[in-house]
Each structure stands twice: as structure tokens, then as C-alpha cells.
Amino acid sequence: MRKPLIATAERKLLERHIPTILDKGFMMLMDGHRIKDLQRMYSLFSRVNALESLRQAISSYIRRTEQSIVMDEEKDKDMVSSLLEFKASLDSILEESFSKNEAFCNTIKDSFEHLINLRQNRPAELIAKFLDEKLRDGNKGTSEEELEGTLDKVLVLFRFIQGKDVFEALYKKDLAKRLLLGKSASIDAEKSMISKLKTECGS
């Protein structure tokens, strides 16, 4: 008797209201990084076989949010930092709220890749510029560990961009300038980044 009652309650109180819940609350929870609330939403939606609706909502959320990051030319100077922050937020929500669901993981990856390449080579140019700024000697207040962590995070963005040849050309030019003018913050960091890039795309 208990199971039919629970199923009826779930259908009446939750299943029939899925679109309304997503339309009126999902973006707010994502924007607020409400890990526990999103975790509860995932758990409840799984009980009424509504995870596909939640997955589609994630895709729509990423496309709407990231469009404001990537497409607004006035925000170019902050694009890379904003993308890094947004990706870190998505990764923690995926792990802590959505149980590392593989379908959700693929949706986040595909949506992120689509958006980051909307402006063709511009993100590649800005990532190269961001790395040049981080590797210059003006960042000597940054510890080796912090710099290494930043390089690893930027490498994640690099994997998503399609304009890798544009990035490579700019990175080589900036690297040469840093070395020739003695403007590098750390030779070890320079070697580390070159090694990381070689691992990603060969010599």
C-alpha cells in the first residue's frame, strides 16, 4: 500500500510540476551555486524519471549564461577569467549535485565547447593574451604553485577551442618576446607550459 501512495504523491506533487520548477527555479539555483538544493532536485527528479528534463535545462542554462560571457565584446578583457570561474562552478555542481552523471557531463562539455567557439578565433587570442600576462614578470607576487594551478586551468579551456593554430602562433610570439626581453616571471613555469602544450598537441 505504501508504494502506490508514494508514487501517487510524487506524481501529483512533483512530476506534473517539472516544467514549472525548471522555469522558475533552476537558473536561480545554478546562479547561486546552491549545491544542496540542486542535489535535492537531482534526487527528486530521478525518482520520477525526469533527469532528461534536468539535463536539457543544464544545456539551456550554459548556452544562455556563456553567451553573455563570450558574445559581449565589451567584456573581452574579463572573458578568460569569467570562463574559468564558470567552468569551475559547473564542475563542482556536476560532482557534488549531479553525482558525476555521465550524460550530464557530456552535455556540459558539448554546450561549453559550442559556446566558446561562437566567435571563431577570438577566445583563442584572449587565452594566449591571458597566459602572456600570467607568465610575465609583473606577476612575481604569485607563488609557483598558484601559477602552475592557473596554467592547468587555462589548459582546460585550451582543449575546448577550435582555433588552436591561432593560439599557437600568438603564444610563440609572446614567448619569444618574454624570453628575449627577460620579462618572464619563471623559466620553470615557461618550461612547464610548453610541456603541457606538447602533451596536448605534439611538438
N, C-alpha and C. Protein backbone atom coordinates (compact mmCIF):
# COMPACT_ATOMS: atom_id res chain seq x y z
N MET A 1 0.84 -1.22 0.00
CA MET A 1 0.00 0.00 0.00
C MET A 1 0.87 1.27 0.00
N ARG A 2 2.02 1.16 0.69
CA ARG A 2 2.86 2.35 0.82
C ARG A 2 3.43 2.81 -0.52
N LYS A 3 3.87 1.86 -1.35
CA LYS A 3 4.50 2.22 -2.63
C LYS A 3 3.54 2.96 -3.56
N PRO A 4 2.30 2.47 -3.74
CA PRO A 4 1.36 3.22 -4.59
C PRO A 4 1.08 4.63 -4.07
N LEU A 5 1.04 4.78 -2.75
CA LEU A 5 0.79 6.11 -2.16
C LEU A 5 1.95 7.06 -2.47
N ILE A 6 3.18 6.54 -2.31
CA ILE A 6 4.36 7.36 -2.59
C ILE A 6 4.39 7.74 -4.07
N ALA A 7 4.10 6.78 -4.95
CA ALA A 7 4.10 7.05 -6.39
C ALA A 7 3.07 8.09 -6.75
N THR A 8 1.90 8.00 -6.14
CA THR A 8 0.83 8.99 -6.40
C THR A 8 1.24 10.37 -5.91
N ALA A 9 1.84 10.42 -4.72
CA ALA A 9 2.29 11.70 -4.17
C ALA A 9 3.36 12.33 -5.05
N GLU A 10 4.30 11.50 -5.51
CA GLU A 10 5.37 12.01 -6.38
C GLU A 10 4.81 12.53 -7.69
N ARG A 11 3.81 11.82 -8.23
CA ARG A 11 3.21 12.25 -9.49
C ARG A 11 2.45 13.56 -9.33
N LYS A 12 1.70 13.67 -8.25
CA LYS A 12 0.87 14.86 -8.04
C LYS A 12 1.70 16.08 -7.61
N LEU A 13 2.66 15.84 -6.72
CA LEU A 13 3.40 16.96 -6.14
C LEU A 13 4.65 17.35 -6.93
N LEU A 14 5.16 16.40 -7.73
CA LEU A 14 6.42 16.68 -8.41
C LEU A 14 6.34 16.53 -9.93
N GLU A 15 5.98 15.35 -10.38
CA GLU A 15 6.07 15.07 -11.82
C GLU A 15 5.29 16.06 -12.68
N ARG A 16 4.09 16.39 -12.27
CA ARG A 16 3.25 17.30 -13.07
C ARG A 16 3.75 18.74 -13.03
N HIS A 17 4.67 19.04 -12.10
CA HIS A 17 5.16 20.41 -11.95
C HIS A 17 6.61 20.60 -12.45
N ILE A 18 7.16 19.57 -13.08
CA ILE A 18 8.56 19.63 -13.53
C ILE A 18 8.85 20.87 -14.38
N PRO A 19 8.08 21.16 -15.44
CA PRO A 19 8.38 22.35 -16.26
C PRO A 19 8.36 23.65 -15.46
N THR A 20 7.40 23.78 -14.55
CA THR A 20 7.29 24.99 -13.74
C THR A 20 8.49 25.13 -12.80
N ILE A 21 8.89 24.02 -12.18
CA ILE A 21 10.05 24.04 -11.27
C ILE A 21 11.29 24.49 -12.01
N LEU A 22 11.49 23.94 -13.22
CA LEU A 22 12.68 24.28 -14.00
C LEU A 22 12.62 25.73 -14.50
N ASP A 23 11.45 26.15 -14.96
CA ASP A 23 11.32 27.51 -15.49
C ASP A 23 11.52 28.57 -14.42
N LYS A 24 11.03 28.31 -13.22
CA LYS A 24 11.00 29.35 -12.19
C LYS A 24 12.13 29.26 -11.16
N GLY A 25 12.82 28.11 -11.09
CA GLY A 25 13.80 27.98 -10.02
C GLY A 25 15.18 27.54 -10.41
N PHE A 26 15.32 26.87 -11.55
CA PHE A 26 16.59 26.23 -11.88
C PHE A 26 17.73 27.24 -12.08
N MET A 27 17.49 28.28 -12.87
CA MET A 27 18.54 29.26 -13.14
C MET A 27 19.00 29.95 -11.86
N MET A 28 18.07 30.23 -10.98
CA MET A 28 18.40 30.88 -9.72
C MET A 28 19.31 29.99 -8.88
N LEU A 29 19.01 28.69 -8.85
CA LEU A 29 19.83 27.75 -8.08
C LEU A 29 21.22 27.63 -8.68
N MET A 30 21.29 27.60 -10.01
CA MET A 30 22.59 27.50 -10.67
C MET A 30 23.41 28.77 -10.46
N ASP A 31 22.78 29.93 -10.66
CA ASP A 31 23.48 31.20 -10.46
C ASP A 31 23.98 31.35 -9.02
N GLY A 32 23.19 30.85 -8.08
CA GLY A 32 23.55 30.96 -6.67
C GLY A 32 24.45 29.84 -6.18
N HIS A 33 24.80 28.94 -7.08
CA HIS A 33 25.66 27.80 -6.74
C HIS A 33 25.09 27.07 -5.52
N ARG A 34 23.80 26.80 -5.57
CA ARG A 34 23.10 26.18 -4.44
C ARG A 34 23.25 24.66 -4.51
N ILE A 35 24.40 24.19 -4.09
CA ILE A 35 24.78 22.78 -4.23
C ILE A 35 23.75 21.83 -3.62
N LYS A 36 23.37 22.07 -2.37
CA LYS A 36 22.46 21.17 -1.67
C LYS A 36 21.07 21.16 -2.32
N ASP A 37 20.57 22.33 -2.71
CA ASP A 37 19.25 22.40 -3.35
C ASP A 37 19.27 21.69 -4.70
N LEU A 38 20.36 21.88 -5.46
CA LEU A 38 20.48 21.20 -6.75
C LEU A 38 20.60 19.69 -6.56
N GLN A 39 21.27 19.30 -5.50
CA GLN A 39 21.40 17.88 -5.18
C GLN A 39 20.02 17.28 -4.88
N ARG A 40 19.20 18.01 -4.12
CA ARG A 40 17.84 17.55 -3.83
C ARG A 40 17.00 17.49 -5.10
N MET A 41 17.15 18.49 -5.96
CA MET A 41 16.42 18.49 -7.22
C MET A 41 16.78 17.26 -8.05
N TYR A 42 18.07 16.97 -8.15
CA TYR A 42 18.54 15.81 -8.91
C TYR A 42 17.94 14.52 -8.34
N SER A 43 17.97 14.40 -7.01
CA SER A 43 17.44 13.20 -6.36
C SER A 43 15.95 13.04 -6.60
N LEU A 44 15.19 14.12 -6.45
CA LEU A 44 13.74 14.06 -6.66
C LEU A 44 13.39 13.78 -8.12
N PHE A 45 14.09 14.44 -9.03
CA PHE A 45 13.81 14.24 -10.45
C PHE A 45 14.11 12.80 -10.88
N SER A 46 15.13 12.21 -10.28
CA SER A 46 15.47 10.83 -10.63
C SER A 46 14.36 9.87 -10.21
N ARG A 47 13.63 10.23 -9.17
CA ARG A 47 12.56 9.36 -8.67
C ARG A 47 11.35 9.34 -9.61
N VAL A 48 11.21 10.36 -10.44
CA VAL A 48 10.07 10.38 -11.37
C VAL A 48 10.55 10.35 -12.83
N ASN A 49 11.78 9.83 -13.02
CA ASN A 49 12.35 9.66 -14.37
C ASN A 49 12.35 10.98 -15.16
N ALA A 50 12.74 12.06 -14.50
CA ALA A 50 12.73 13.38 -15.15
C ALA A 50 14.14 13.94 -15.32
N LEU A 51 15.15 13.09 -15.23
CA LEU A 51 16.52 13.59 -15.36
C LEU A 51 16.82 14.14 -16.75
N GLU A 52 16.12 13.64 -17.76
CA GLU A 52 16.33 14.16 -19.11
C GLU A 52 15.91 15.63 -19.19
N SER A 53 14.82 15.98 -18.51
CA SER A 53 14.38 17.38 -18.48
C SER A 53 15.41 18.24 -17.78
N LEU A 54 16.01 17.71 -16.72
CA LEU A 54 17.04 18.45 -15.99
C LEU A 54 18.29 18.61 -16.85
N ARG A 55 18.64 17.58 -17.59
CA ARG A 55 19.81 17.64 -18.47
C ARG A 55 19.61 18.72 -19.54
N GLN A 56 18.43 18.79 -20.11
CA GLN A 56 18.14 19.81 -21.12
C GLN A 56 18.18 21.21 -20.52
N ALA A 57 17.74 21.32 -19.27
CA ALA A 57 17.77 22.62 -18.59
C ALA A 57 19.22 23.07 -18.37
N ILE A 58 20.11 22.13 -18.08
CA ILE A 58 21.52 22.46 -17.91
C ILE A 58 22.09 23.00 -19.21
N SER A 59 21.78 22.32 -20.31
CA SER A 59 22.27 22.76 -21.62
C SER A 59 21.80 24.18 -21.93
N SER A 60 20.53 24.45 -21.69
CA SER A 60 19.97 25.79 -21.95
C SER A 60 20.62 26.82 -21.05
N TYR A 61 20.85 26.45 -19.80
CA TYR A 61 21.47 27.38 -18.85
C TYR A 61 22.88 27.75 -19.29
N ILE A 62 23.67 26.77 -19.67
CA ILE A 62 25.04 27.03 -20.10
C ILE A 62 25.05 27.93 -21.33
N ARG A 63 24.20 27.64 -22.29
CA ARG A 63 24.18 28.42 -23.52
C ARG A 63 23.75 29.85 -23.28
N ARG A 64 22.81 30.05 -22.37
CA ARG A 64 22.37 31.42 -22.08
C ARG A 64 23.43 32.18 -21.28
N THR A 65 23.98 31.52 -20.28
CA THR A 65 24.96 32.19 -19.42
C THR A 65 26.25 32.49 -20.17
N GLU A 66 26.76 31.49 -20.86
CA GLU A 66 28.05 31.66 -21.51
C GLU A 66 27.96 32.61 -22.70
N GLN A 67 26.78 32.71 -23.31
CA GLN A 67 26.63 33.65 -24.42
C GLN A 67 26.93 35.07 -23.95
N SER A 68 26.50 35.39 -22.73
CA SER A 68 26.76 36.74 -22.21
C SER A 68 28.24 36.93 -21.91
N ILE A 69 28.96 35.84 -21.67
CA ILE A 69 30.40 35.92 -21.41
C ILE A 69 31.18 36.06 -22.70
N VAL A 70 30.81 35.25 -23.70
CA VAL A 70 31.60 35.16 -24.93
C VAL A 70 31.23 36.21 -25.97
N MET A 71 29.96 36.53 -26.08
CA MET A 71 29.50 37.36 -27.20
C MET A 71 29.57 38.86 -26.94
N ASP A 72 29.69 39.27 -25.69
CA ASP A 72 29.74 40.69 -25.36
C ASP A 72 31.18 41.19 -25.50
N GLU A 73 31.47 41.92 -26.58
CA GLU A 73 32.83 42.37 -26.84
C GLU A 73 33.35 43.31 -25.75
N GLU A 74 32.47 44.00 -25.07
CA GLU A 74 32.89 44.90 -24.01
C GLU A 74 33.47 44.15 -22.80
N LYS A 75 33.18 42.84 -22.74
CA LYS A 75 33.67 42.03 -21.63
C LYS A 75 34.88 41.18 -22.02
N ASP A 76 35.49 41.49 -23.18
CA ASP A 76 36.61 40.67 -23.65
C ASP A 76 37.76 40.59 -22.64
N LYS A 77 38.04 41.70 -21.98
CA LYS A 77 39.19 41.71 -21.06
C LYS A 77 38.99 40.75 -19.89
N ASP A 78 37.74 40.42 -19.59
CA ASP A 78 37.44 39.51 -18.48
C ASP A 78 36.97 38.13 -18.96
N MET A 79 36.97 37.91 -20.29
CA MET A 79 36.38 36.68 -20.80
C MET A 79 37.04 35.42 -20.23
N VAL A 80 38.36 35.36 -20.26
CA VAL A 80 39.05 34.15 -19.82
C VAL A 80 38.81 33.89 -18.34
N SER A 81 38.93 34.93 -17.53
CA SER A 81 38.68 34.78 -16.09
C SER A 81 37.24 34.33 -15.83
N SER A 82 36.30 34.90 -16.58
CA SER A 82 34.89 34.53 -16.41
C SER A 82 34.63 33.09 -16.83
N LEU A 83 35.27 32.67 -17.93
CA LEU A 83 35.12 31.28 -18.39
C LEU A 83 35.71 30.30 -17.38
N LEU A 84 36.86 30.65 -16.81
CA LEU A 84 37.48 29.78 -15.81
C LEU A 84 36.59 29.64 -14.58
N GLU A 85 36.02 30.75 -14.15
CA GLU A 85 35.14 30.74 -12.98
C GLU A 85 33.87 29.95 -13.27
N PHE A 86 33.30 30.15 -14.45
CA PHE A 86 32.07 29.46 -14.83
C PHE A 86 32.31 27.96 -14.94
N LYS A 87 33.41 27.56 -15.56
CA LYS A 87 33.73 26.13 -15.71
C LYS A 87 33.96 25.48 -14.35
N ALA A 88 34.64 26.16 -13.45
CA ALA A 88 34.87 25.62 -12.11
C ALA A 88 33.56 25.41 -11.37
N SER A 89 32.63 26.36 -11.54
CA SER A 89 31.32 26.25 -10.91
C SER A 89 30.55 25.05 -11.46
N LEU A 90 30.57 24.89 -12.77
CA LEU A 90 29.88 23.76 -13.40
C LEU A 90 30.47 22.43 -12.94
N ASP A 91 31.79 22.37 -12.85
CA ASP A 91 32.46 21.12 -12.44
C ASP A 91 32.09 20.73 -11.02
N SER A 92 32.03 21.71 -10.11
CA SER A 92 31.70 21.38 -8.73
C SER A 92 30.24 20.97 -8.60
N ILE A 93 29.34 21.60 -9.38
CA ILE A 93 27.92 21.23 -9.36
C ILE A 93 27.75 19.82 -9.92
N LEU A 94 28.46 19.53 -11.01
CA LEU A 94 28.39 18.19 -11.61
C LEU A 94 28.80 17.13 -10.59
N GLU A 95 29.87 17.40 -9.86
CA GLU A 95 30.40 16.42 -8.91
C GLU A 95 29.57 16.32 -7.65
N GLU A 96 29.19 17.46 -7.08
CA GLU A 96 28.54 17.45 -5.78
C GLU A 96 27.02 17.35 -5.84
N SER A 97 26.42 17.85 -6.93
CA SER A 97 24.96 17.86 -7.01
C SER A 97 24.39 16.80 -7.96
N PHE A 98 25.12 16.52 -9.02
CA PHE A 98 24.59 15.64 -10.05
C PHE A 98 25.30 14.29 -10.15
N SER A 99 26.01 13.92 -9.06
CA SER A 99 26.62 12.58 -8.94
C SER A 99 27.50 12.19 -10.12
N LYS A 100 28.15 13.18 -10.74
CA LYS A 100 29.03 12.92 -11.89
C LYS A 100 28.32 12.15 -13.00
N ASN A 101 27.01 12.38 -13.13
CA ASN A 101 26.20 11.72 -14.15
C ASN A 101 26.87 11.88 -15.53
N GLU A 102 27.11 10.77 -16.21
CA GLU A 102 27.87 10.81 -17.46
C GLU A 102 27.15 11.61 -18.55
N ALA A 103 25.83 11.46 -18.64
CA ALA A 103 25.07 12.21 -19.65
C ALA A 103 25.15 13.71 -19.37
N PHE A 104 25.08 14.09 -18.08
CA PHE A 104 25.20 15.49 -17.71
C PHE A 104 26.60 16.01 -18.03
N CYS A 105 27.60 15.18 -17.76
CA CYS A 105 28.99 15.55 -18.04
C CYS A 105 29.18 15.84 -19.53
N ASN A 106 28.63 14.98 -20.37
CA ASN A 106 28.75 15.17 -21.82
C ASN A 106 27.99 16.41 -22.29
N THR A 107 26.84 16.66 -21.67
CA THR A 107 26.06 17.84 -22.03
C THR A 107 26.82 19.12 -21.69
N ILE A 108 27.42 19.16 -20.49
CA ILE A 108 28.22 20.32 -20.09
C ILE A 108 29.37 20.52 -21.05
N LYS A 109 30.07 19.45 -21.39
CA LYS A 109 31.21 19.53 -22.31
C LYS A 109 30.79 20.04 -23.68
N ASP A 110 29.72 19.47 -24.24
CA ASP A 110 29.27 19.86 -25.59
C ASP A 110 28.77 21.30 -25.62
N SER A 111 28.01 21.69 -24.61
CA SER A 111 27.47 23.05 -24.57
C SER A 111 28.59 24.07 -24.39
N PHE A 112 29.54 23.76 -23.54
CA PHE A 112 30.68 24.65 -23.30
C PHE A 112 31.50 24.81 -24.57
N GLU A 113 31.75 23.71 -25.26
CA GLU A 113 32.55 23.76 -26.49
C GLU A 113 31.84 24.58 -27.57
N HIS A 114 30.53 24.40 -27.69
CA HIS A 114 29.76 25.15 -28.69
C HIS A 114 29.86 26.66 -28.44
N LEU A 115 29.67 27.04 -27.18
CA LEU A 115 29.65 28.47 -26.86
C LEU A 115 31.01 29.13 -26.97
N ILE A 116 32.06 28.43 -26.54
CA ILE A 116 33.38 29.06 -26.52
C ILE A 116 33.90 29.31 -27.93
N ASN A 117 33.29 28.65 -28.91
CA ASN A 117 33.75 28.81 -30.30
C ASN A 117 32.80 29.65 -31.16
N LEU A 118 31.85 30.33 -30.53
CA LEU A 118 30.89 31.14 -31.29
C LEU A 118 31.57 32.29 -32.02
N ARG A 119 32.64 32.82 -31.42
CA ARG A 119 33.34 33.95 -32.05
C ARG A 119 34.64 33.50 -32.72
N GLN A 120 34.61 32.34 -33.27
CA GLN A 120 35.73 31.77 -34.02
C GLN A 120 37.05 31.85 -33.23
N ASN A 121 37.98 32.68 -33.67
CA ASN A 121 39.32 32.67 -33.08
C ASN A 121 39.51 33.62 -31.91
N ARG A 122 38.50 34.43 -31.60
CA ARG A 122 38.68 35.43 -30.56
C ARG A 122 39.02 34.81 -29.19
N PRO A 123 38.32 33.76 -28.73
CA PRO A 123 38.71 33.16 -27.46
C PRO A 123 40.14 32.64 -27.45
N ALA A 124 40.59 32.09 -28.58
CA ALA A 124 41.98 31.60 -28.68
C ALA A 124 42.96 32.75 -28.49
N GLU A 125 42.66 33.90 -29.09
CA GLU A 125 43.52 35.07 -28.96
C GLU A 125 43.57 35.55 -27.50
N LEU A 126 42.41 35.57 -26.85
CA LEU A 126 42.33 36.07 -25.49
C LEU A 126 42.98 35.12 -24.49
N ILE A 127 42.90 33.82 -24.77
CA ILE A 127 43.57 32.84 -23.89
C ILE A 127 45.08 33.01 -24.00
N ALA A 128 45.59 33.20 -25.22
CA ALA A 128 47.03 33.42 -25.40
C ALA A 128 47.46 34.70 -24.67
N LYS A 129 46.66 35.75 -24.78
CA LYS A 129 46.97 37.02 -24.11
C LYS A 129 46.95 36.85 -22.59
N PHE A 130 45.97 36.10 -22.10
CA PHE A 130 45.83 35.85 -20.67
C PHE A 130 47.08 35.13 -20.14
N LEU A 131 47.54 34.13 -20.88
CA LEU A 131 48.73 33.39 -20.47
C LEU A 131 49.97 34.28 -20.50
N ASP A 132 50.06 35.15 -21.51
CA ASP A 132 51.21 36.07 -21.58
C ASP A 132 51.25 36.96 -20.35
N GLU A 133 50.08 37.45 -19.94
CA GLU A 133 50.02 38.31 -18.75
C GLU A 133 50.43 37.55 -17.49
N LYS A 134 50.01 36.30 -17.39
CA LYS A 134 50.30 35.50 -16.20
C LYS A 134 51.78 35.09 -16.15
N LEU A 135 52.39 34.91 -17.31
CA LEU A 135 53.78 34.44 -17.35
C LEU A 135 54.80 35.58 -17.38
N ARG A 136 54.33 36.82 -17.44
CA ARG A 136 55.25 37.96 -17.42
C ARG A 136 55.74 38.23 -16.00
N ASP A 137 56.84 38.98 -15.92
CA ASP A 137 57.46 39.20 -14.62
C ASP A 137 56.65 40.11 -13.71
N GLY A 138 55.58 40.70 -14.24
CA GLY A 138 54.72 41.53 -13.40
C GLY A 138 53.92 40.72 -12.41
N ASN A 139 53.97 39.39 -12.53
CA ASN A 139 53.20 38.52 -11.64
C ASN A 139 54.08 37.83 -10.61
N LYS A 140 55.15 38.48 -10.22
CA LYS A 140 56.07 37.85 -9.28
C LYS A 140 55.48 37.70 -7.88
N GLY A 141 54.35 38.35 -7.63
CA GLY A 141 53.68 38.17 -6.34
C GLY A 141 52.95 36.85 -6.27
N THR A 142 52.85 36.16 -7.40
CA THR A 142 52.16 34.87 -7.46
C THR A 142 53.15 33.75 -7.16
N SER A 143 52.75 32.81 -6.30
CA SER A 143 53.64 31.69 -5.98
C SER A 143 53.71 30.73 -7.16
N GLU A 144 54.74 29.90 -7.17
CA GLU A 144 54.91 28.90 -8.23
C GLU A 144 53.70 27.96 -8.28
N GLU A 145 53.19 27.58 -7.09
CA GLU A 145 52.04 26.67 -7.03
C GLU A 145 50.79 27.32 -7.61
N GLU A 146 50.57 28.59 -7.28
CA GLU A 146 49.40 29.30 -7.80
C GLU A 146 49.49 29.45 -9.32
N LEU A 147 50.68 29.79 -9.80
CA LEU A 147 50.88 29.95 -11.24
C LEU A 147 50.66 28.63 -11.97
N GLU A 148 51.18 27.55 -11.40
CA GLU A 148 51.01 26.22 -12.00
C GLU A 148 49.53 25.84 -12.04
N GLY A 149 48.81 26.16 -10.97
CA GLY A 149 47.37 25.88 -10.93
C GLY A 149 46.62 26.65 -12.00
N THR A 150 47.00 27.91 -12.19
CA THR A 150 46.36 28.73 -13.23
C THR A 150 46.62 28.16 -14.61
N LEU A 151 47.85 27.71 -14.86
CA LEU A 151 48.20 27.13 -16.16
C LEU A 151 47.37 25.89 -16.43
N ASP A 152 47.18 25.06 -15.42
CA ASP A 152 46.37 23.84 -15.59
C ASP A 152 44.92 24.18 -15.92
N LYS A 153 44.39 25.20 -15.25
CA LYS A 153 43.00 25.60 -15.50
C LYS A 153 42.83 26.16 -16.91
N VAL A 154 43.79 26.98 -17.35
CA VAL A 154 43.72 27.55 -18.69
C VAL A 154 43.83 26.45 -19.74
N LEU A 155 44.60 25.43 -19.43
CA LEU A 155 44.75 24.31 -20.36
C LEU A 155 43.41 23.62 -20.62
N VAL A 156 42.55 23.60 -19.61
CA VAL A 156 41.21 23.03 -19.78
C VAL A 156 40.45 23.82 -20.85
N LEU A 157 40.53 25.16 -20.78
CA LEU A 157 39.87 25.99 -21.80
C LEU A 157 40.49 25.74 -23.17
N PHE A 158 41.80 25.61 -23.21
CA PHE A 158 42.52 25.37 -24.47
C PHE A 158 41.96 24.14 -25.19
N ARG A 159 41.62 23.11 -24.44
CA ARG A 159 41.11 21.88 -25.05
C ARG A 159 39.79 22.11 -25.79
N PHE A 160 39.04 23.13 -25.37
CA PHE A 160 37.73 23.38 -25.97
C PHE A 160 37.81 24.22 -27.25
N ILE A 161 38.86 25.02 -27.40
CA ILE A 161 38.88 25.96 -28.53
C ILE A 161 39.26 25.26 -29.83
N GLN A 162 38.67 25.76 -30.92
CA GLN A 162 38.96 25.19 -32.24
C GLN A 162 40.14 25.91 -32.90
N GLY A 163 40.38 27.17 -32.55
CA GLY A 163 41.44 27.95 -33.18
C GLY A 163 42.80 27.71 -32.56
N LYS A 164 43.20 26.46 -32.45
CA LYS A 164 44.48 26.14 -31.79
C LYS A 164 45.68 26.65 -32.58
N ASP A 165 45.56 26.73 -33.91
CA ASP A 165 46.67 27.25 -34.71
C ASP A 165 46.87 28.75 -34.45
N VAL A 166 45.77 29.48 -34.27
CA VAL A 166 45.84 30.91 -33.94
C VAL A 166 46.49 31.09 -32.57
N PHE A 167 46.05 30.28 -31.61
CA PHE A 167 46.64 30.32 -30.27
C PHE A 167 48.14 30.04 -30.34
N GLU A 168 48.52 29.02 -31.09
CA GLU A 168 49.94 28.62 -31.16
C GLU A 168 50.80 29.75 -31.71
N ALA A 169 50.33 30.41 -32.78
CA ALA A 169 51.09 31.50 -33.39
C ALA A 169 51.30 32.64 -32.40
N LEU A 170 50.24 33.01 -31.70
CA LEU A 170 50.34 34.11 -30.73
C LEU A 170 51.19 33.71 -29.53
N TYR A 171 51.03 32.49 -29.08
CA TYR A 171 51.79 32.04 -27.92
C TYR A 171 53.29 32.02 -28.22
N LYS A 172 53.66 31.55 -29.40
CA LYS A 172 55.07 31.53 -29.80
C LYS A 172 55.66 32.94 -29.84
N LYS A 173 54.90 33.87 -30.40
CA LYS A 173 55.36 35.26 -30.50
C LYS A 173 55.54 35.86 -29.11
N ASP A 174 54.55 35.64 -28.23
CA ASP A 174 54.64 36.19 -26.87
C ASP A 174 55.77 35.53 -26.07
N LEU A 175 55.94 34.23 -26.25
CA LEU A 175 57.01 33.50 -25.57
C LEU A 175 58.38 34.06 -25.98
N ALA A 176 58.56 34.27 -27.27
CA ALA A 176 59.83 34.81 -27.77
C ALA A 176 60.11 36.18 -27.16
N LYS A 177 59.08 37.03 -27.09
CA LYS A 177 59.24 38.37 -26.50
C LYS A 177 59.64 38.28 -25.03
N ARG A 178 58.95 37.41 -24.29
CA ARG A 178 59.25 37.28 -22.86
C ARG A 178 60.70 36.85 -22.64
N LEU A 179 61.14 35.88 -23.44
CA LEU A 179 62.49 35.34 -23.25
C LEU A 179 63.56 36.32 -23.72
N LEU A 180 63.34 36.94 -24.88
CA LEU A 180 64.33 37.86 -25.43
C LEU A 180 64.49 39.12 -24.58
N LEU A 181 63.38 39.58 -24.00
CA LEU A 181 63.42 40.81 -23.21
C LEU A 181 63.61 40.54 -21.72
N GLY A 182 63.75 39.27 -21.36
CA GLY A 182 63.92 38.93 -19.95
C GLY A 182 62.71 39.28 -19.11
N LYS A 183 61.53 39.13 -19.68
CA LYS A 183 60.30 39.54 -19.00
C LYS A 183 59.50 38.37 -18.43
N SER A 184 60.11 37.19 -18.41
CA SER A 184 59.39 36.02 -17.93
C SER A 184 59.38 35.96 -16.40
N ALA A 185 58.23 35.61 -15.84
CA ALA A 185 58.11 35.51 -14.38
C ALA A 185 58.85 34.29 -13.85
N SER A 186 58.89 33.22 -14.65
CA SER A 186 59.51 31.98 -14.18
C SER A 186 59.87 31.10 -15.36
N ILE A 187 61.16 30.77 -15.48
CA ILE A 187 61.59 29.87 -16.54
C ILE A 187 61.00 28.48 -16.33
N ASP A 188 60.89 28.07 -15.08
CA ASP A 188 60.29 26.77 -14.78
C ASP A 188 58.83 26.72 -15.25
N ALA A 189 58.10 27.82 -15.03
CA ALA A 189 56.71 27.88 -15.47
C ALA A 189 56.63 27.86 -17.00
N GLU A 190 57.57 28.54 -17.65
CA GLU A 190 57.60 28.53 -19.13
C GLU A 190 57.82 27.10 -19.64
N LYS A 191 58.78 26.40 -19.04
CA LYS A 191 59.05 25.02 -19.44
C LYS A 191 57.84 24.12 -19.18
N SER A 192 57.20 24.35 -18.03
CA SER A 192 56.03 23.55 -17.67
C SER A 192 54.90 23.74 -18.67
N MET A 193 54.64 25.00 -19.06
CA MET A 193 53.55 25.27 -20.01
C MET A 193 53.86 24.67 -21.38
N ILE A 194 55.10 24.78 -21.82
CA ILE A 194 55.48 24.19 -23.11
C ILE A 194 55.28 22.67 -23.07
N SER A 195 55.66 22.07 -21.96
CA SER A 195 55.49 20.63 -21.79
C SER A 195 54.02 20.23 -21.84
N LYS A 196 53.17 21.04 -21.19
CA LYS A 196 51.73 20.77 -21.18
C LYS A 196 51.16 20.86 -22.60
N LEU A 197 51.59 21.89 -23.34
CA LEU A 197 51.09 22.08 -24.69
C LEU A 197 51.58 20.98 -25.63
N LYS A 198 52.80 20.52 -25.44
CA LYS A 198 53.33 19.43 -26.24
C LYS A 198 52.53 18.14 -26.00
N THR A 199 52.14 17.94 -24.74
CA THR A 199 51.31 16.77 -24.41
C THR A 199 49.95 16.86 -25.09
N GLU A 200 49.41 18.08 -25.17
CA GLU A 200 48.09 18.27 -25.77
C GLU A 200 48.10 18.15 -27.29
N CYS A 201 49.11 18.73 -27.94
CA CYS A 201 49.03 18.82 -29.41
C CYS A 201 50.35 18.50 -30.12
N GLY A 202 51.28 17.84 -29.46
CA GLY A 202 52.50 17.44 -30.14
C GLY A 202 53.52 18.56 -30.20
N SER A 203 54.66 18.25 -30.79
CA SER A 203 55.79 19.19 -30.83
C SER A 203 55.49 20.42 -31.67
